[in-house]
Amino acid sequence: MPFASAGRVRRGKACFPGGLLATLTDPGFFAMSSPRSNPVVLITGACGDIGRSLARIFAGQGSSLALVDLRSADGAEAQLAEWRKLGVSVCFRRVDVREPPAMNAFVAEAVRELGGLDVCIVNAGIVERGALLELTVEAWRRTLDVNLTGAFVTAQAAARAMVAAGRGGHIVFISSWVQDVPREGIGAYSASKGGMKMLAKTLALELAPKGIRVNLVAPGWVDAGLTGQHLQAHPERRPQVERQIPLGRLATADEVARAVRLLCSPDAAYVNGATLLLDGGSSLGLGR
């Protein structure tokens, strides 16, 4: 699908859950920690719940969007059409994040079409459920390939573009609280997120001299995305999950996106190699 570019964000009809206008007019927006007035933000897994919230919140700050998902162009067309109506400069491509040639090509084209790359949000991920004694090697490899290898491929492509431009930048990984707190039945997912944490910390160390900050947001239970889908399929589990959260509720996709926005803001200019834990206190062990 060709790139669609329609200039800067302007007022228009709300299109995403929660309303884009509310985002555009929010006086509490943080300014992007970027030397450019309209930074370019790359988001993988952009068509999922958290991906859409990320796109909406960054577009509301005047950012241009480079969106990646395995969903086909036809599947994303309705979303892209609404962005165009609102004047957002956006490019979309169906890309498998595990494939370096595809990701490198997308980043190069996004830089060429949108004028650079300032923020990379590594959001694509999958979960394969099952006890480790029963989990197949194929399921293990699939999880690690998408969640860890895909994260590396994405971050490497983005970082190379940022280094070449010489303007610095931000890389934020959407990890999970299970990077540090194991949960039964999702061992492959937990291992992939633990690996992601060390990948991010190593990148933070290596890229800091280039002016690129690398951090993680580690949500707990989120009423969206993979967890939201699981709870929709098994609604009887919701009360049990809520009892494990000291704050008594699941996070929203917008709360995850706002945490990412904070890490990319001047208020977090000295934050590097860190995890912003967004779990409502679940990892404190209360209510277990």
Protein backbone atom coordinates (compact mmCIF):
# COMPACT_ATOMS: atom_id res chain seq x y z
CA MET A 1 0.00 0.00 0.00
CA PRO A 2 1.43 3.43 -0.84
CA PHE A 3 2.15 5.95 1.83
CA ALA A 4 -0.52 8.48 2.69
CA SER A 5 0.62 11.92 3.71
CA ALA A 6 -1.77 14.72 4.55
CA GLY A 7 0.29 17.18 6.54
CA ARG A 8 -0.19 18.15 10.19
CA VAL A 9 -2.96 17.22 12.58
CA ARG A 10 -6.02 19.43 12.36
CA ARG A 11 -9.37 19.38 14.12
CA GLY A 12 -11.84 16.81 12.92
CA LYS A 13 -14.33 14.16 13.91
CA ALA A 14 -13.27 11.69 16.57
CA CYS A 15 -12.61 8.24 15.14
CA PHE A 16 -10.91 6.02 17.74
CA PRO A 17 -12.32 4.72 21.04
CA GLY A 18 -12.07 7.51 23.60
CA GLY A 19 -12.17 10.19 20.92
CA LEU A 20 -9.27 11.78 19.11
CA LEU A 21 -10.59 15.29 19.73
CA ALA A 22 -10.24 14.78 23.47
CA THR A 23 -6.61 13.94 22.84
CA LEU A 24 -5.98 16.85 20.50
CA THR A 25 -7.38 19.38 22.98
CA ASP A 26 -5.85 17.91 26.14
CA PRO A 27 -3.92 20.79 27.79
CA GLY A 28 -1.86 18.30 29.78
CA PHE A 29 0.09 17.00 26.79
CA PHE A 30 3.82 16.76 27.28
CA ALA A 31 5.94 18.30 24.58
CA MET A 32 7.96 15.75 22.71
CA SER A 33 11.62 15.71 23.61
CA SER A 34 12.60 16.20 19.99
CA PRO A 35 14.28 19.06 18.12
CA ARG A 36 11.55 18.85 15.45
CA SER A 37 8.05 20.28 15.64
CA ASN A 38 6.45 17.17 14.12
CA PRO A 39 8.48 14.13 15.18
CA VAL A 40 8.05 10.84 13.37
CA VAL A 41 6.91 7.92 15.52
CA LEU A 42 7.21 4.28 14.46
CA ILE A 43 4.77 1.87 16.14
CA THR A 44 4.74 -1.89 15.63
CA GLY A 45 1.59 -3.84 16.37
CA ALA A 46 -0.17 -0.63 15.42
CA CYS A 47 -3.60 -2.09 14.68
CA GLY A 48 -4.10 -3.64 18.12
CA ASP A 49 -5.74 -1.93 21.08
CA ILE A 50 -2.54 -0.53 22.59
CA GLY A 51 -1.13 0.30 19.16
CA ARG A 52 -4.20 2.37 18.32
CA SER A 53 -3.98 4.23 21.63
CA LEU A 54 -0.30 4.96 21.01
CA ALA A 55 -1.06 6.26 17.51
CA ARG A 56 -3.90 8.45 18.74
CA ILE A 57 -1.93 10.01 21.58
CA PHE A 58 1.20 10.73 19.54
CA ALA A 59 -0.80 12.03 16.58
CA GLY A 60 -2.48 14.41 19.00
CA GLN A 61 0.90 16.02 19.63
CA GLY A 62 1.45 16.63 15.92
CA SER A 63 3.57 13.56 15.29
CA SER A 64 3.72 11.79 11.95
CA LEU A 65 3.08 8.05 12.16
CA ALA A 66 4.93 5.09 10.66
CA LEU A 67 2.70 2.12 11.43
CA VAL A 68 3.53 -1.58 11.17
CA ASP A 69 1.25 -4.55 11.65
CA LEU A 70 0.78 -8.03 10.23
CA ARG A 71 -2.79 -7.07 9.42
CA SER A 72 -3.27 -6.57 5.70
CA ALA A 73 -3.71 -3.15 4.13
CA ASP A 74 -7.39 -3.95 3.65
CA GLY A 75 -7.74 -4.70 7.35
CA ALA A 76 -6.14 -1.38 8.30
CA GLU A 77 -7.81 0.73 5.61
CA ALA A 78 -10.68 2.02 7.76
CA GLN A 79 -8.24 3.14 10.43
CA LEU A 80 -5.96 4.84 7.91
CA ALA A 81 -8.86 6.59 6.19
CA GLU A 82 -9.89 8.20 9.46
CA TRP A 83 -6.34 9.35 10.10
CA ARG A 84 -6.21 10.98 6.66
CA LYS A 85 -9.45 12.84 7.37
CA LEU A 86 -7.82 14.30 10.46
CA GLY A 87 -4.75 15.43 8.54
CA VAL A 88 -2.26 13.04 10.08
CA SER A 89 0.84 12.23 8.04
CA VAL A 90 0.86 8.45 8.17
CA CYS A 91 2.44 5.52 6.41
CA PHE A 92 1.42 1.91 6.91
CA ARG A 93 2.85 -1.36 5.75
CA ARG A 94 2.20 -5.00 6.49
CA VAL A 95 5.57 -6.12 7.86
CA ASP A 96 6.72 -9.21 9.70
CA VAL A 97 8.91 -7.77 12.46
CA ARG A 98 11.01 -10.94 12.48
CA GLU A 99 12.36 -10.19 8.99
CA PRO A 100 15.27 -7.69 8.90
CA PRO A 101 15.02 -6.92 5.14
CA ALA A 102 11.34 -6.02 5.43
CA MET A 103 11.80 -3.90 8.55
CA ASN A 104 14.89 -2.16 7.18
CA ALA A 105 13.04 -1.34 3.97
CA PHE A 106 10.07 0.05 5.86
CA VAL A 107 12.22 2.25 8.09
CA ALA A 108 14.14 3.57 5.07
CA GLU A 109 10.93 4.41 3.22
CA ALA A 110 9.35 6.00 6.29
CA VAL A 111 12.42 8.19 6.75
CA ARG A 112 12.29 9.19 3.12
CA GLU A 113 8.53 9.88 3.03
CA LEU A 114 8.06 11.42 6.49
CA GLY A 115 11.40 13.13 6.90
CA GLY A 116 13.12 11.13 9.60
CA LEU A 117 12.55 8.92 12.62
CA ASP A 118 12.47 10.20 16.19
CA VAL A 119 10.62 7.60 18.24
CA CYS A 120 10.35 3.83 17.93
CA ILE A 121 7.77 1.98 20.02
CA VAL A 122 8.27 -1.78 20.00
CA ASN A 123 4.75 -3.01 20.65
CA ALA A 124 4.17 -6.14 18.53
CA GLY A 125 3.84 -9.33 20.52
CA ILE A 126 2.10 -12.68 20.93
CA VAL A 127 1.48 -15.09 23.79
CA GLU A 128 1.43 -18.88 23.67
CA ARG A 129 -0.26 -20.32 26.75
CA GLY A 130 0.65 -23.62 28.35
CA ALA A 131 2.77 -25.12 31.09
CA LEU A 132 6.40 -25.45 30.09
CA LEU A 133 6.29 -29.23 30.43
CA GLU A 134 3.61 -29.37 27.76
CA LEU A 135 4.68 -26.44 25.57
CA THR A 136 5.95 -27.43 22.14
CA VAL A 137 9.28 -26.26 20.83
CA GLU A 138 7.40 -24.69 17.91
CA ALA A 139 5.30 -22.57 20.28
CA TRP A 140 8.42 -21.58 22.23
CA ARG A 141 10.28 -20.55 19.08
CA ARG A 142 7.28 -18.65 17.72
CA THR A 143 6.99 -16.61 20.92
CA LEU A 144 10.70 -15.82 21.12
CA ASP A 145 10.86 -15.04 17.41
CA VAL A 146 8.11 -12.43 17.55
CA ASN A 147 8.58 -10.97 21.01
CA LEU A 148 12.37 -10.96 21.29
CA THR A 149 13.90 -11.37 17.83
CA GLY A 150 11.23 -9.07 16.39
CA ALA A 151 12.00 -6.52 19.08
CA PHE A 152 15.70 -6.68 18.25
CA VAL A 153 15.11 -6.38 14.50
CA THR A 154 12.80 -3.38 14.98
CA ALA A 155 15.01 -1.56 17.45
CA GLN A 156 18.15 -2.18 15.39
CA ALA A 157 16.58 -0.79 12.21
CA ALA A 158 15.23 2.25 14.04
CA ALA A 159 18.45 2.92 15.93
CA ARG A 160 20.53 2.77 12.76
CA ALA A 161 18.28 5.40 11.18
CA MET A 162 18.48 7.61 14.27
CA VAL A 163 22.26 7.35 14.45
CA ALA A 164 22.57 8.17 10.75
CA ALA A 165 20.41 11.27 11.20
CA GLY A 166 22.45 12.44 14.20
CA ARG A 167 19.47 13.93 16.06
CA GLY A 168 19.13 11.39 18.86
CA GLY A 169 15.80 9.75 19.56
CA HIS A 170 13.77 7.47 21.77
CA ILE A 171 13.13 3.73 21.76
CA VAL A 172 10.45 2.37 24.07
CA PHE A 173 9.71 -1.33 24.45
CA ILE A 174 6.26 -2.47 25.55
CA SER A 175 7.26 -5.24 27.91
CA SER A 176 5.28 -6.74 30.79
CA TRP A 177 5.47 -7.07 34.54
CA VAL A 178 6.22 -10.76 33.93
CA GLN A 179 9.70 -9.74 32.77
CA ASP A 180 10.45 -9.90 36.52
CA VAL A 181 7.50 -11.77 38.06
CA PRO A 182 6.90 -15.26 36.66
CA ARG A 183 3.36 -16.46 36.05
CA GLU A 184 2.31 -20.05 35.50
CA GLY A 185 1.16 -20.97 32.04
CA ILE A 186 2.97 -18.24 30.09
CA GLY A 187 6.58 -19.27 30.54
CA ALA A 188 7.62 -18.59 26.94
CA TYR A 189 6.04 -15.12 27.06
CA SER A 190 7.75 -14.36 30.39
CA ALA A 191 11.11 -15.50 29.04
CA SER A 192 10.69 -13.34 25.94
CA LYS A 193 9.92 -10.27 28.06
CA GLY A 194 12.83 -10.98 30.39
CA GLY A 195 15.06 -11.09 27.33
CA MET A 196 13.50 -7.88 26.06
CA LYS A 197 14.41 -6.15 29.32
CA MET A 198 18.10 -7.03 28.93
CA LEU A 199 18.00 -6.12 25.24
CA ALA A 200 16.64 -2.68 26.15
CA LYS A 201 19.20 -2.13 28.90
CA THR A 202 22.08 -3.08 26.62
CA LEU A 203 20.80 -0.80 23.87
CA ALA A 204 20.42 2.00 26.42
CA LEU A 205 24.09 1.59 27.34
CA GLU A 206 25.32 1.44 23.76
CA LEU A 207 23.13 4.20 22.31
CA ALA A 208 23.34 6.81 25.08
CA PRO A 209 26.46 8.44 23.56
CA LYS A 210 24.40 8.93 20.37
CA GLY A 211 21.68 10.80 22.24
CA ILE A 212 19.20 7.92 22.00
CA ARG A 213 17.36 6.95 25.18
CA VAL A 214 15.97 3.43 25.54
CA ASN A 215 13.39 2.45 28.15
CA LEU A 216 10.58 -0.01 28.80
CA VAL A 217 6.98 0.24 29.90
CA ALA A 218 5.94 -2.91 31.75
CA PRO A 219 2.15 -3.13 32.08
CA GLY A 220 0.44 -5.60 34.36
CA TRP A 221 -3.12 -6.63 33.62
CA VAL A 222 -4.45 -4.43 30.80
CA ASP A 223 -8.10 -4.46 29.73
CA ALA A 224 -7.00 -4.51 26.10
CA GLY A 225 -4.71 -6.37 23.76
CA LEU A 226 -3.72 -9.93 24.60
CA THR A 227 -5.07 -9.81 28.16
CA GLY A 228 -8.31 -8.16 27.07
CA GLN A 229 -8.84 -10.85 24.45
CA HIS A 230 -8.20 -13.57 27.02
CA LEU A 231 -10.68 -12.09 29.49
CA GLN A 232 -13.30 -11.68 26.79
CA ALA A 233 -12.93 -15.36 26.01
CA HIS A 234 -12.96 -16.27 29.73
CA PRO A 235 -15.10 -13.63 31.52
CA GLU A 236 -15.29 -15.76 34.64
CA ARG A 237 -11.62 -14.94 35.26
CA ARG A 238 -12.10 -11.17 35.52
CA PRO A 239 -13.07 -11.05 39.24
CA GLN A 240 -10.12 -13.28 40.07
CA VAL A 241 -7.75 -11.00 38.15
CA GLU A 242 -9.13 -7.84 39.74
CA ARG A 243 -8.58 -9.31 43.21
CA GLN A 244 -4.87 -9.66 42.40
CA ILE A 245 -4.51 -5.94 41.69
CA PRO A 246 -4.20 -3.70 44.77
CA LEU A 247 -5.79 -0.80 42.86
CA GLY A 248 -8.72 -3.08 42.11
CA ARG A 249 -8.96 -2.65 38.35
CA LEU A 250 -7.12 -3.37 35.11
CA ALA A 251 -5.14 -0.71 33.29
CA THR A 252 -6.45 0.83 30.09
CA ALA A 253 -4.67 0.96 26.75
CA ASP A 254 -4.59 4.75 27.01
CA GLU A 255 -2.76 4.52 30.35
CA VAL A 256 -0.07 2.42 28.69
CA ALA A 257 0.21 4.94 25.85
CA ARG A 258 0.46 7.88 28.24
CA ALA A 259 3.29 6.12 30.09
CA VAL A 260 5.16 5.81 26.80
CA ARG A 261 4.49 9.47 26.05
CA LEU A 262 5.98 10.41 29.42
CA LEU A 263 9.19 8.50 28.69
CA CYS A 264 9.54 10.40 25.39
CA SER A 265 9.00 13.79 27.02
CA PRO A 266 11.51 16.32 28.39
CA ASP A 267 10.30 15.36 31.89
CA ALA A 268 12.08 12.02 31.39
CA ALA A 269 15.23 13.45 29.78
CA TYR A 270 17.48 11.76 32.37
CA VAL A 271 15.70 8.40 32.30
CA ASN A 272 17.61 5.73 30.38
CA GLY A 273 17.64 1.96 30.61
CA ALA A 274 14.72 1.99 33.04
CA THR A 275 11.43 0.16 33.35
CA LEU A 276 8.27 2.11 34.09
CA LEU A 277 6.15 -0.47 35.91
CA LEU A 278 2.45 -0.01 35.24
CA ASP A 279 0.83 -2.85 37.16
CA GLY A 280 -1.42 -1.22 39.76
CA GLY A 281 0.73 -2.80 42.48
CA SER A 282 0.22 -6.40 41.31
CA SER A 283 3.90 -7.25 41.63
CA LEU A 284 3.84 -6.28 45.30
CA GLY A 285 2.31 -9.67 45.95
CA LEU A 286 -0.85 -8.31 47.57
CA GLY A 287 -4.07 -10.26 47.19
CA ARG A 288 -2.40 -13.49 46.07
